[in-house]
Amino acid sequence: MTGVVLAGGLSRRMQGREKALLPFGEGVLLDRTLARFAPQVTRVVLSANGDPTRFARFGLPVIPDARPDHPGPLAGVEAAFLATGADWLLSVPVDLPFLPLDLAARLGDRADARDPMPVVAAGGFGLHPVVCLWPRAALPWIRHALDAGQLRLMDWFARHPCLTVVFDQPPNGVDPFFNVNHPDALMEAARIDGASPGERPCMP
């Protein structure tokens, strides 16, 4: 299973600060995502646009969108399929610092190679469409949606069949899909994690 960390967004709600490189623990948000995600998959690639050298220390292949104007997560999934040749691709956004440690195992158990369709994570607030195990069989439909300008993931899943796996909130009460999508959420994530950014190492 190939994993792709989607980090190609424009971070408008972060006032243009790149989410992947936001301080978190003694590292940055991408450090935390990789600590939780990379051990679950065979290899990891990073979906990001712009100068790839800013991610050099992570040692990951950096795959830009194959389309202009930052079309969104679907374009990142498309580009990752084209660049890797993967049969199954597990996508996660870079801004989930409490990502489930059994994510790949549970989504993989739900997948059916005889009737391949996306397997999407779900939680207390419904689907988390960016957290998805994609079969290569979905690529033509992804490309069709992008060609038609249909960019929203929730709209894509409204038109195409998928399977779901529900993740309950763990005993520690932390939402495994807590999303750092604005400055207040970053501060709250640091509080949940037990330290302000820079105070202690970021651990899985």
N, C-alpha and C. Protein backbone atom coordinates (compact mmCIF):
# COMPACT_ATOMS: atom_id res chain seq x y z
N MET A 1 0.85 -1.19 0.00
CA MET A 1 0.00 0.00 0.00
C MET A 1 0.88 1.24 0.00
N THR A 2 0.66 2.13 -0.94
CA THR A 2 1.39 3.40 -1.00
C THR A 2 0.59 4.47 -0.28
N GLY A 3 1.27 5.26 0.54
CA GLY A 3 0.61 6.36 1.23
C GLY A 3 0.98 7.68 0.59
N VAL A 4 0.00 8.57 0.50
CA VAL A 4 0.27 9.92 0.01
C VAL A 4 -0.23 10.92 1.05
N VAL A 5 0.66 11.80 1.47
CA VAL A 5 0.29 12.90 2.37
C VAL A 5 -0.03 14.10 1.49
N LEU A 6 -1.27 14.55 1.58
CA LEU A 6 -1.74 15.66 0.75
C LEU A 6 -1.40 16.98 1.43
N ALA A 7 -0.49 17.72 0.81
CA ALA A 7 -0.03 18.99 1.39
C ALA A 7 0.06 20.06 0.30
N GLY A 8 -0.84 19.97 -0.67
CA GLY A 8 -0.77 20.88 -1.81
C GLY A 8 -1.75 22.03 -1.76
N GLY A 9 -2.44 22.20 -0.62
CA GLY A 9 -3.45 23.26 -0.52
C GLY A 9 -2.82 24.64 -0.36
N LEU A 10 -3.67 25.65 -0.43
CA LEU A 10 -3.21 27.03 -0.36
C LEU A 10 -3.21 27.60 1.06
N SER A 11 -3.76 26.83 2.02
CA SER A 11 -3.76 27.24 3.44
C SER A 11 -4.35 28.64 3.64
N ARG A 12 -5.46 28.92 2.99
CA ARG A 12 -6.05 30.26 3.09
C ARG A 12 -6.44 30.60 4.53
N ARG A 13 -6.99 29.60 5.27
CA ARG A 13 -7.42 29.87 6.64
C ARG A 13 -6.24 29.97 7.60
N MET A 14 -5.05 29.61 7.13
CA MET A 14 -3.83 29.78 7.93
C MET A 14 -3.08 31.05 7.52
N GLN A 15 -3.79 31.97 6.88
CA GLN A 15 -3.17 33.22 6.41
C GLN A 15 -1.97 32.94 5.52
N GLY A 16 -2.07 31.87 4.71
CA GLY A 16 -1.02 31.56 3.77
C GLY A 16 0.17 30.80 4.34
N ARG A 17 0.19 30.54 5.66
CA ARG A 17 1.29 29.75 6.25
C ARG A 17 1.12 28.29 5.83
N GLU A 18 2.18 27.70 5.38
CA GLU A 18 2.10 26.33 4.89
C GLU A 18 1.88 25.36 6.04
N LYS A 19 0.78 24.59 5.96
CA LYS A 19 0.42 23.71 7.07
C LYS A 19 1.52 22.69 7.38
N ALA A 20 2.08 22.09 6.36
CA ALA A 20 3.06 21.03 6.57
C ALA A 20 4.23 21.48 7.44
N LEU A 21 4.56 22.78 7.38
CA LEU A 21 5.74 23.29 8.05
C LEU A 21 5.40 24.12 9.29
N LEU A 22 4.17 24.03 9.75
CA LEU A 22 3.80 24.71 11.00
C LEU A 22 4.48 24.05 12.19
N PRO A 23 4.98 24.81 13.15
CA PRO A 23 5.63 24.22 14.32
C PRO A 23 4.65 23.33 15.10
N PHE A 24 5.16 22.16 15.48
CA PHE A 24 4.37 21.25 16.32
C PHE A 24 5.35 20.38 17.09
N GLY A 25 5.30 20.41 18.42
CA GLY A 25 6.31 19.73 19.22
C GLY A 25 7.67 20.33 18.92
N GLU A 26 8.69 19.49 18.79
CA GLU A 26 10.02 19.98 18.45
C GLU A 26 10.24 19.99 16.94
N GLY A 27 9.23 19.59 16.21
CA GLY A 27 9.33 19.58 14.76
C GLY A 27 8.23 20.41 14.14
N VAL A 28 7.68 19.89 13.07
CA VAL A 28 6.59 20.56 12.37
C VAL A 28 5.45 19.55 12.18
N LEU A 29 4.34 20.05 11.67
CA LEU A 29 3.16 19.19 11.54
C LEU A 29 3.42 17.97 10.65
N LEU A 30 4.22 18.15 9.61
CA LEU A 30 4.53 17.01 8.74
C LEU A 30 5.31 15.94 9.50
N ASP A 31 6.19 16.34 10.42
CA ASP A 31 6.88 15.34 11.24
C ASP A 31 5.88 14.46 11.99
N ARG A 32 4.87 15.10 12.59
CA ARG A 32 3.89 14.33 13.36
C ARG A 32 3.08 13.41 12.45
N THR A 33 2.65 13.93 11.31
CA THR A 33 1.88 13.10 10.39
C THR A 33 2.67 11.89 9.95
N LEU A 34 3.92 12.09 9.59
CA LEU A 34 4.76 10.98 9.13
C LEU A 34 5.02 9.98 10.26
N ALA A 35 5.20 10.47 11.49
CA ALA A 35 5.45 9.57 12.61
C ALA A 35 4.30 8.60 12.81
N ARG A 36 3.09 9.05 12.58
CA ARG A 36 1.92 8.20 12.78
C ARG A 36 1.56 7.40 11.52
N PHE A 37 1.88 7.95 10.36
CA PHE A 37 1.39 7.38 9.10
C PHE A 37 2.40 6.45 8.42
N ALA A 38 3.65 6.87 8.36
CA ALA A 38 4.64 6.14 7.57
C ALA A 38 4.79 4.67 7.98
N PRO A 39 4.76 4.32 9.30
CA PRO A 39 4.91 2.91 9.66
C PRO A 39 3.76 2.02 9.17
N GLN A 40 2.66 2.63 8.74
CA GLN A 40 1.49 1.84 8.35
C GLN A 40 1.49 1.42 6.89
N VAL A 41 2.35 2.03 6.07
CA VAL A 41 2.31 1.79 4.63
C VAL A 41 3.68 1.37 4.14
N THR A 42 3.73 0.87 2.90
CA THR A 42 4.98 0.39 2.33
C THR A 42 5.91 1.54 1.96
N ARG A 43 5.35 2.60 1.44
CA ARG A 43 6.13 3.78 1.06
C ARG A 43 5.22 5.00 1.17
N VAL A 44 5.84 6.18 1.27
CA VAL A 44 5.10 7.43 1.40
C VAL A 44 5.61 8.41 0.35
N VAL A 45 4.68 9.09 -0.29
CA VAL A 45 5.02 10.21 -1.16
C VAL A 45 4.28 11.44 -0.64
N LEU A 46 4.79 12.60 -1.00
CA LEU A 46 4.21 13.86 -0.55
C LEU A 46 3.63 14.59 -1.75
N SER A 47 2.36 14.93 -1.67
CA SER A 47 1.70 15.73 -2.70
C SER A 47 1.83 17.19 -2.32
N ALA A 48 2.64 17.94 -3.07
CA ALA A 48 2.86 19.35 -2.76
C ALA A 48 3.30 20.08 -4.02
N ASN A 49 2.95 21.35 -4.08
CA ASN A 49 3.31 22.17 -5.22
C ASN A 49 4.41 23.16 -4.81
N GLY A 50 5.01 23.80 -5.79
CA GLY A 50 6.06 24.77 -5.49
C GLY A 50 7.42 24.10 -5.39
N ASP A 51 8.37 24.81 -4.81
CA ASP A 51 9.75 24.36 -4.72
C ASP A 51 9.85 23.13 -3.81
N PRO A 52 10.23 21.97 -4.35
CA PRO A 52 10.28 20.77 -3.51
C PRO A 52 11.43 20.75 -2.52
N THR A 53 12.42 21.63 -2.70
CA THR A 53 13.59 21.57 -1.82
C THR A 53 13.25 21.92 -0.37
N ARG A 54 12.12 22.60 -0.14
CA ARG A 54 11.75 22.93 1.23
C ARG A 54 11.40 21.69 2.03
N PHE A 55 11.18 20.57 1.35
CA PHE A 55 10.88 19.31 2.03
C PHE A 55 12.05 18.34 1.98
N ALA A 56 13.23 18.81 1.61
CA ALA A 56 14.36 17.91 1.36
C ALA A 56 14.70 17.05 2.57
N ARG A 57 14.61 17.60 3.76
CA ARG A 57 15.05 16.85 4.95
C ARG A 57 14.16 15.64 5.24
N PHE A 58 12.97 15.60 4.66
CA PHE A 58 12.07 14.47 4.92
C PHE A 58 12.40 13.26 4.05
N GLY A 59 13.17 13.46 2.98
CA GLY A 59 13.58 12.35 2.14
C GLY A 59 12.47 11.66 1.38
N LEU A 60 11.41 12.40 1.06
CA LEU A 60 10.27 11.82 0.37
C LEU A 60 10.20 12.30 -1.08
N PRO A 61 9.70 11.46 -1.98
CA PRO A 61 9.37 11.97 -3.31
C PRO A 61 8.27 13.03 -3.18
N VAL A 62 8.46 14.17 -3.82
CA VAL A 62 7.48 15.25 -3.79
C VAL A 62 6.81 15.32 -5.17
N ILE A 63 5.50 15.14 -5.16
CA ILE A 63 4.75 15.02 -6.42
C ILE A 63 3.84 16.24 -6.56
N PRO A 64 4.07 17.09 -7.55
CA PRO A 64 3.17 18.23 -7.76
C PRO A 64 1.93 17.80 -8.52
N ASP A 65 0.90 18.62 -8.43
CA ASP A 65 -0.30 18.38 -9.23
C ASP A 65 0.06 18.35 -10.72
N ALA A 66 -0.65 17.52 -11.46
CA ALA A 66 -0.46 17.47 -12.91
C ALA A 66 -1.30 18.52 -13.61
N ARG A 67 -2.06 19.29 -12.83
CA ARG A 67 -2.96 20.30 -13.38
C ARG A 67 -2.65 21.65 -12.74
N PRO A 68 -2.94 22.75 -13.44
CA PRO A 68 -2.65 24.07 -12.88
C PRO A 68 -3.70 24.52 -11.87
N ASP A 69 -3.36 25.58 -11.16
CA ASP A 69 -4.31 26.32 -10.32
C ASP A 69 -4.78 25.58 -9.08
N HIS A 70 -4.01 24.62 -8.58
CA HIS A 70 -4.32 23.97 -7.30
C HIS A 70 -5.77 23.48 -7.22
N PRO A 71 -6.13 22.46 -8.02
CA PRO A 71 -7.53 22.02 -8.03
C PRO A 71 -8.00 21.32 -6.76
N GLY A 72 -7.08 20.93 -5.87
CA GLY A 72 -7.53 20.32 -4.62
C GLY A 72 -7.11 18.87 -4.47
N PRO A 73 -7.66 18.19 -3.44
CA PRO A 73 -7.21 16.84 -3.10
C PRO A 73 -7.33 15.82 -4.22
N LEU A 74 -8.40 15.90 -5.02
CA LEU A 74 -8.54 14.94 -6.12
C LEU A 74 -7.36 15.01 -7.07
N ALA A 75 -6.87 16.22 -7.31
CA ALA A 75 -5.71 16.38 -8.20
C ALA A 75 -4.46 15.78 -7.57
N GLY A 76 -4.33 15.88 -6.25
CA GLY A 76 -3.20 15.25 -5.57
C GLY A 76 -3.24 13.74 -5.67
N VAL A 77 -4.44 13.16 -5.54
CA VAL A 77 -4.58 11.71 -5.68
C VAL A 77 -4.28 11.28 -7.12
N GLU A 78 -4.80 12.03 -8.08
CA GLU A 78 -4.52 11.73 -9.48
C GLU A 78 -3.01 11.72 -9.74
N ALA A 79 -2.32 12.77 -9.32
CA ALA A 79 -0.89 12.89 -9.57
C ALA A 79 -0.11 11.77 -8.90
N ALA A 80 -0.53 11.38 -7.69
CA ALA A 80 0.16 10.30 -6.98
C ALA A 80 0.00 8.97 -7.70
N PHE A 81 -1.19 8.70 -8.22
CA PHE A 81 -1.38 7.47 -9.00
C PHE A 81 -0.49 7.49 -10.24
N LEU A 82 -0.46 8.61 -10.94
CA LEU A 82 0.32 8.69 -12.17
C LEU A 82 1.82 8.55 -11.90
N ALA A 83 2.28 9.09 -10.78
CA ALA A 83 3.72 9.10 -10.48
C ALA A 83 4.20 7.78 -9.88
N THR A 84 3.33 7.06 -9.19
CA THR A 84 3.79 5.88 -8.45
C THR A 84 3.42 4.56 -9.11
N GLY A 85 2.37 4.54 -9.91
CA GLY A 85 1.90 3.27 -10.45
C GLY A 85 1.25 2.38 -9.42
N ALA A 86 0.89 2.93 -8.26
CA ALA A 86 0.32 2.12 -7.18
C ALA A 86 -1.03 1.52 -7.57
N ASP A 87 -1.30 0.33 -7.08
CA ASP A 87 -2.61 -0.29 -7.25
C ASP A 87 -3.60 0.24 -6.21
N TRP A 88 -3.10 0.49 -5.00
CA TRP A 88 -3.92 1.06 -3.93
C TRP A 88 -3.15 2.22 -3.32
N LEU A 89 -3.86 3.31 -3.08
CA LEU A 89 -3.24 4.53 -2.59
C LEU A 89 -4.03 5.03 -1.39
N LEU A 90 -3.36 5.15 -0.26
CA LEU A 90 -4.01 5.66 0.95
C LEU A 90 -3.66 7.13 1.12
N SER A 91 -4.67 7.99 1.04
CA SER A 91 -4.45 9.43 1.14
C SER A 91 -4.83 9.92 2.53
N VAL A 92 -4.00 10.82 3.05
CA VAL A 92 -4.31 11.53 4.30
C VAL A 92 -3.88 12.98 4.13
N PRO A 93 -4.58 13.91 4.74
CA PRO A 93 -4.11 15.29 4.73
C PRO A 93 -3.00 15.49 5.74
N VAL A 94 -2.21 16.51 5.55
CA VAL A 94 -1.07 16.75 6.43
C VAL A 94 -1.48 17.30 7.79
N ASP A 95 -2.74 17.71 7.93
CA ASP A 95 -3.14 18.46 9.13
C ASP A 95 -3.95 17.65 10.13
N LEU A 96 -3.68 16.33 10.22
CA LEU A 96 -4.34 15.47 11.21
C LEU A 96 -3.30 14.94 12.19
N PRO A 97 -2.97 15.67 13.25
CA PRO A 97 -1.88 15.25 14.14
C PRO A 97 -2.20 14.06 15.02
N PHE A 98 -3.47 13.63 15.08
CA PHE A 98 -3.84 12.49 15.92
C PHE A 98 -4.38 11.33 15.09
N LEU A 99 -3.90 11.22 13.88
CA LEU A 99 -4.30 10.20 12.92
C LEU A 99 -4.29 8.80 13.55
N PRO A 100 -5.31 7.97 13.31
CA PRO A 100 -5.33 6.63 13.91
C PRO A 100 -4.12 5.80 13.50
N LEU A 101 -3.57 5.09 14.46
CA LEU A 101 -2.40 4.25 14.19
C LEU A 101 -2.78 2.94 13.51
N ASP A 102 -4.07 2.62 13.48
CA ASP A 102 -4.53 1.41 12.80
C ASP A 102 -5.31 1.76 11.52
N LEU A 103 -5.09 2.96 11.01
CA LEU A 103 -5.85 3.43 9.84
C LEU A 103 -5.68 2.51 8.64
N ALA A 104 -4.44 2.26 8.24
CA ALA A 104 -4.21 1.45 7.03
C ALA A 104 -4.74 0.04 7.20
N ALA A 105 -4.52 -0.55 8.38
CA ALA A 105 -4.98 -1.93 8.60
C ALA A 105 -6.49 -2.03 8.49
N ARG A 106 -7.20 -1.09 9.08
CA ARG A 106 -8.66 -1.18 9.09
C ARG A 106 -9.26 -0.86 7.72
N LEU A 107 -8.74 0.14 7.04
CA LEU A 107 -9.24 0.42 5.70
C LEU A 107 -8.88 -0.71 4.74
N GLY A 108 -7.66 -1.24 4.90
CA GLY A 108 -7.26 -2.36 4.04
C GLY A 108 -8.10 -3.59 4.25
N ASP A 109 -8.49 -3.87 5.49
CA ASP A 109 -9.35 -5.03 5.76
C ASP A 109 -10.72 -4.90 5.09
N ARG A 110 -11.17 -3.68 4.93
CA ARG A 110 -12.49 -3.44 4.32
C ARG A 110 -12.45 -3.49 2.80
N ALA A 111 -11.28 -3.29 2.22
CA ALA A 111 -11.16 -3.25 0.77
C ALA A 111 -11.41 -4.62 0.16
N ASP A 112 -11.92 -4.62 -1.05
CA ASP A 112 -12.22 -5.86 -1.76
C ASP A 112 -11.57 -5.78 -3.15
N ALA A 113 -10.53 -6.57 -3.36
CA ALA A 113 -9.82 -6.54 -4.64
C ALA A 113 -10.69 -7.04 -5.78
N ARG A 114 -11.71 -7.85 -5.49
CA ARG A 114 -12.58 -8.37 -6.56
C ARG A 114 -13.56 -7.32 -7.04
N ASP A 115 -13.91 -6.40 -6.20
CA ASP A 115 -14.83 -5.31 -6.55
C ASP A 115 -14.25 -4.02 -5.98
N PRO A 116 -13.15 -3.53 -6.56
CA PRO A 116 -12.42 -2.42 -5.93
C PRO A 116 -13.20 -1.10 -5.97
N MET A 117 -13.35 -0.53 -4.81
CA MET A 117 -13.94 0.79 -4.69
C MET A 117 -13.27 1.50 -3.52
N PRO A 118 -13.35 2.82 -3.47
CA PRO A 118 -12.69 3.54 -2.37
C PRO A 118 -13.25 3.13 -1.01
N VAL A 119 -12.36 3.15 -0.01
CA VAL A 119 -12.74 2.89 1.37
C VAL A 119 -12.42 4.15 2.16
N VAL A 120 -13.47 4.76 2.73
CA VAL A 120 -13.34 6.09 3.34
C VAL A 120 -13.47 5.97 4.85
N ALA A 121 -12.66 6.74 5.57
CA ALA A 121 -12.76 6.80 7.02
C ALA A 121 -13.96 7.66 7.42
N ALA A 122 -14.61 7.27 8.49
CA ALA A 122 -15.74 8.03 9.03
C ALA A 122 -15.58 8.10 10.54
N GLY A 123 -16.18 9.14 11.11
CA GLY A 123 -16.12 9.32 12.56
C GLY A 123 -17.38 9.98 13.05
N GLY A 124 -17.28 10.63 14.18
CA GLY A 124 -18.45 11.23 14.81
C GLY A 124 -19.13 12.30 13.98
N PHE A 125 -18.39 12.93 13.07
CA PHE A 125 -18.96 14.00 12.26
C PHE A 125 -19.17 13.56 10.81
N GLY A 126 -19.26 12.26 10.57
CA GLY A 126 -19.53 11.76 9.23
C GLY A 126 -18.26 11.38 8.50
N LEU A 127 -18.33 11.41 7.17
CA LEU A 127 -17.20 11.01 6.33
C LEU A 127 -16.04 11.99 6.47
N HIS A 128 -14.84 11.43 6.35
CA HIS A 128 -13.62 12.23 6.24
C HIS A 128 -13.02 11.90 4.87
N PRO A 129 -13.53 12.52 3.82
CA PRO A 129 -13.26 12.03 2.47
C PRO A 129 -11.81 12.11 2.02
N VAL A 130 -11.00 12.96 2.67
CA VAL A 130 -9.59 13.03 2.29
C VAL A 130 -8.82 11.83 2.83
N VAL A 131 -9.38 11.18 3.85
CA VAL A 131 -8.76 9.98 4.44
C VAL A 131 -9.39 8.78 3.76
N CYS A 132 -8.72 8.29 2.75
CA CYS A 132 -9.36 7.31 1.86
C CYS A 132 -8.34 6.36 1.27
N LEU A 133 -8.71 5.10 1.18
CA LEU A 133 -7.94 4.10 0.46
C LEU A 133 -8.53 3.97 -0.95
N TRP A 134 -7.75 4.40 -1.92
CA TRP A 134 -8.23 4.48 -3.31
C TRP A 134 -7.70 3.32 -4.14
N PRO A 135 -8.56 2.63 -4.88
CA PRO A 135 -8.07 1.65 -5.85
C PRO A 135 -7.75 2.34 -7.17
N ARG A 136 -6.80 1.81 -7.91
CA ARG A 136 -6.48 2.40 -9.21
C ARG A 136 -7.70 2.41 -10.14
N ALA A 137 -8.64 1.50 -9.90
CA ALA A 137 -9.85 1.47 -10.72
C ALA A 137 -10.64 2.78 -10.65
N ALA A 138 -10.43 3.57 -9.58
CA ALA A 138 -11.14 4.84 -9.46
C ALA A 138 -10.49 5.96 -10.26
N LEU A 139 -9.27 5.75 -10.75
CA LEU A 139 -8.55 6.84 -11.41
C LEU A 139 -9.29 7.43 -12.61
N PRO A 140 -9.87 6.63 -13.51
CA PRO A 140 -10.60 7.25 -14.63
C PRO A 140 -11.73 8.17 -14.16
N TRP A 141 -12.40 7.81 -13.08
CA TRP A 141 -13.51 8.63 -12.58
C TRP A 141 -12.99 9.89 -11.90
N ILE A 142 -11.84 9.77 -11.25
CA ILE A 142 -11.20 10.97 -10.68
C ILE A 142 -10.83 11.94 -11.80
N ARG A 143 -10.23 11.42 -12.85
CA ARG A 143 -9.81 12.27 -13.96
C ARG A 143 -11.02 12.89 -14.67
N HIS A 144 -12.08 12.13 -14.80
CA HIS A 144 -13.30 12.66 -15.42
C HIS A 144 -13.85 13.83 -14.61
N ALA A 145 -13.88 13.68 -13.29
CA ALA A 145 -14.38 14.77 -12.43
C ALA A 145 -13.51 16.01 -12.56
N LEU A 146 -12.20 15.83 -12.55
CA LEU A 146 -11.30 16.96 -12.68
C LEU A 146 -11.46 17.64 -14.03
N ASP A 147 -11.59 16.86 -15.08
CA ASP A 147 -11.79 17.43 -16.42
C ASP A 147 -13.06 18.26 -16.48
N ALA A 148 -14.08 17.83 -15.71
CA ALA A 148 -15.37 18.53 -15.71
C ALA A 148 -15.41 19.67 -14.71
N GLY A 149 -14.32 19.90 -13.99
CA GLY A 149 -14.31 20.96 -12.99
C GLY A 149 -15.06 20.62 -11.73
N GLN A 150 -15.31 19.32 -11.49
CA GLN A 150 -16.01 18.87 -10.28
C GLN A 150 -14.95 18.51 -9.24
N LEU A 151 -14.63 19.45 -8.37
CA LEU A 151 -13.44 19.34 -7.55
C LEU A 151 -13.70 18.91 -6.11
N ARG A 152 -14.93 19.05 -5.63
CA ARG A 152 -15.20 18.76 -4.22
C ARG A 152 -15.28 17.25 -3.98
N LEU A 153 -14.52 16.79 -2.99
CA LEU A 153 -14.51 15.36 -2.69
C LEU A 153 -15.87 14.85 -2.26
N MET A 154 -16.58 15.60 -1.42
CA MET A 154 -17.90 15.13 -0.97
C MET A 154 -18.84 14.96 -2.14
N ASP A 155 -18.75 15.83 -3.14
CA ASP A 155 -19.57 15.67 -4.34
C ASP A 155 -19.17 14.42 -5.11
N TRP A 156 -17.86 14.15 -5.15
CA TRP A 156 -17.39 12.95 -5.86
C TRP A 156 -17.98 11.70 -5.22
N PHE A 157 -17.93 11.65 -3.89
CA PHE A 157 -18.44 10.46 -3.21
C PHE A 157 -19.96 10.37 -3.27
N ALA A 158 -20.64 11.47 -3.48
CA ALA A 158 -22.09 11.42 -3.67
C ALA A 158 -22.46 10.77 -4.99
N ARG A 159 -21.52 10.78 -5.94
CA ARG A 159 -21.78 10.22 -7.26
C ARG A 159 -21.21 8.83 -7.47
N HIS A 160 -20.33 8.38 -6.58
CA HIS A 160 -19.65 7.10 -6.79
C HIS A 160 -19.75 6.23 -5.54
N PRO A 161 -19.89 4.92 -5.74
CA PRO A 161 -20.00 4.03 -4.58
C PRO A 161 -18.68 3.95 -3.82
N CYS A 162 -18.82 3.80 -2.51
CA CYS A 162 -17.63 3.63 -1.68
C CYS A 162 -18.01 2.81 -0.46
N LEU A 163 -17.00 2.31 0.22
CA LEU A 163 -17.17 1.63 1.49
C LEU A 163 -16.69 2.57 2.59
N THR A 164 -17.15 2.35 3.81
CA THR A 164 -16.73 3.19 4.93
C THR A 164 -16.26 2.33 6.10
N VAL A 165 -15.38 2.91 6.88
CA VAL A 165 -14.96 2.32 8.16
C VAL A 165 -15.12 3.40 9.21
N VAL A 166 -15.88 3.10 10.26
CA VAL A 166 -16.14 4.07 11.31
C VAL A 166 -15.10 3.91 12.42
N PHE A 167 -14.46 5.03 12.76
CA PHE A 167 -13.50 5.06 13.85
C PHE A 167 -14.14 5.77 15.04
N ASP A 168 -14.29 5.05 16.12
CA ASP A 168 -14.85 5.64 17.33
C ASP A 168 -13.80 6.50 18.03
N GLN A 169 -14.28 7.44 18.83
CA GLN A 169 -13.35 8.25 19.61
C GLN A 169 -12.67 7.36 20.64
N PRO A 170 -11.33 7.42 20.74
CA PRO A 170 -10.63 6.54 21.68
C PRO A 170 -10.87 6.94 23.13
N PRO A 171 -10.47 6.07 24.08
CA PRO A 171 -10.71 6.36 25.50
C PRO A 171 -10.12 7.68 25.98
N ASN A 172 -9.04 8.15 25.34
CA ASN A 172 -8.46 9.43 25.78
C ASN A 172 -9.28 10.63 25.35
N GLY A 173 -10.34 10.38 24.58
CA GLY A 173 -11.25 11.46 24.21
C GLY A 173 -10.77 12.35 23.08
N VAL A 174 -9.65 12.03 22.46
CA VAL A 174 -9.11 12.86 21.38
C VAL A 174 -9.69 12.41 20.04
N ASP A 175 -10.28 13.34 19.32
CA ASP A 175 -10.81 13.04 18.00
C ASP A 175 -9.66 12.66 17.08
N PRO A 176 -9.63 11.41 16.54
CA PRO A 176 -8.50 11.01 15.70
C PRO A 176 -8.42 11.79 14.39
N PHE A 177 -9.51 12.50 14.05
CA PHE A 177 -9.51 13.28 12.82
C PHE A 177 -9.59 14.78 13.12
N PHE A 178 -9.08 15.16 14.28
CA PHE A 178 -8.99 16.58 14.61
C PHE A 178 -8.17 17.27 13.53
N ASN A 179 -8.76 18.33 12.96
CA ASN A 179 -8.20 18.97 11.77
C ASN A 179 -7.61 20.33 12.11
N VAL A 180 -6.33 20.52 11.82
CA VAL A 180 -5.66 21.80 12.07
C VAL A 180 -5.80 22.65 10.80
N ASN A 181 -6.91 23.37 10.73
CA ASN A 181 -7.15 24.14 9.51
C ASN A 181 -7.21 25.65 9.72
N HIS A 182 -6.92 26.10 10.95
CA HIS A 182 -6.82 27.54 11.21
C HIS A 182 -5.96 27.74 12.46
N PRO A 183 -5.47 28.95 12.73
CA PRO A 183 -4.53 29.16 13.83
C PRO A 183 -5.06 28.70 15.18
N ASP A 184 -6.33 28.93 15.48
CA ASP A 184 -6.87 28.50 16.77
C ASP A 184 -6.82 26.98 16.92
N ALA A 185 -7.05 26.27 15.80
CA ALA A 185 -7.00 24.81 15.84
C ALA A 185 -5.58 24.32 16.11
N LEU A 186 -4.59 25.03 15.59
CA LEU A 186 -3.20 24.65 15.87
C LEU A 186 -2.90 24.79 17.36
N MET A 187 -3.37 25.89 17.97
CA MET A 187 -3.17 26.08 19.40
C MET A 187 -3.90 25.00 20.20
N GLU A 188 -5.11 24.66 19.78
CA GLU A 188 -5.87 23.62 20.48
C GLU A 188 -5.19 22.26 20.34
N ALA A 189 -4.66 21.96 19.15
CA ALA A 189 -3.95 20.70 18.97
C ALA A 189 -2.73 20.62 19.87
N ALA A 190 -2.00 21.72 20.00
CA ALA A 190 -0.85 21.75 20.90
C ALA A 190 -1.28 21.53 22.35
N ARG A 191 -2.42 22.13 22.72
CA ARG A 191 -2.94 21.94 24.09
C ARG A 191 -3.31 20.47 24.31
N ILE A 192 -4.01 19.89 23.35
CA ILE A 192 -4.40 18.48 23.46
C ILE A 192 -3.16 17.59 23.57
N ASP A 193 -2.17 17.93 22.82
CA ASP A 193 -0.94 17.14 22.79
C ASP A 193 -0.16 17.25 24.08
N GLY A 194 -0.50 18.24 24.90
CA GLY A 194 0.12 18.35 26.20
C GLY A 194 1.26 19.31 26.31
N ALA A 195 1.52 20.07 25.22
CA ALA A 195 2.61 21.03 25.25
C ALA A 195 2.39 22.05 24.15
N SER A 196 2.91 23.26 24.33
CA SER A 196 2.90 24.25 23.28
C SER A 196 3.95 23.90 22.24
N PRO A 197 3.82 24.40 20.99
CA PRO A 197 4.82 24.10 19.97
C PRO A 197 6.23 24.45 20.46
N GLY A 198 7.14 23.49 20.26
CA GLY A 198 8.53 23.72 20.61
C GLY A 198 8.92 23.26 22.00
N GLU A 199 7.97 22.79 22.82
CA GLU A 199 8.29 22.46 24.21
C GLU A 199 8.78 21.03 24.41
N ARG A 200 8.32 20.10 23.55
CA ARG A 200 8.80 18.73 23.74
C ARG A 200 8.74 18.00 22.41
N PRO A 201 9.42 16.85 22.32
CA PRO A 201 9.45 16.15 21.04
C PRO A 201 8.07 15.71 20.61
N CYS A 202 7.86 15.66 19.31
CA CYS A 202 6.62 15.21 18.74
C CYS A 202 6.69 13.70 18.60
N MET A 203 5.84 12.99 19.32
CA MET A 203 5.91 11.53 19.37
C MET A 203 4.64 10.93 18.80
N PRO A 204 4.74 9.77 18.18
CA PRO A 204 3.53 9.09 17.69
C PRO A 204 2.67 8.60 18.85
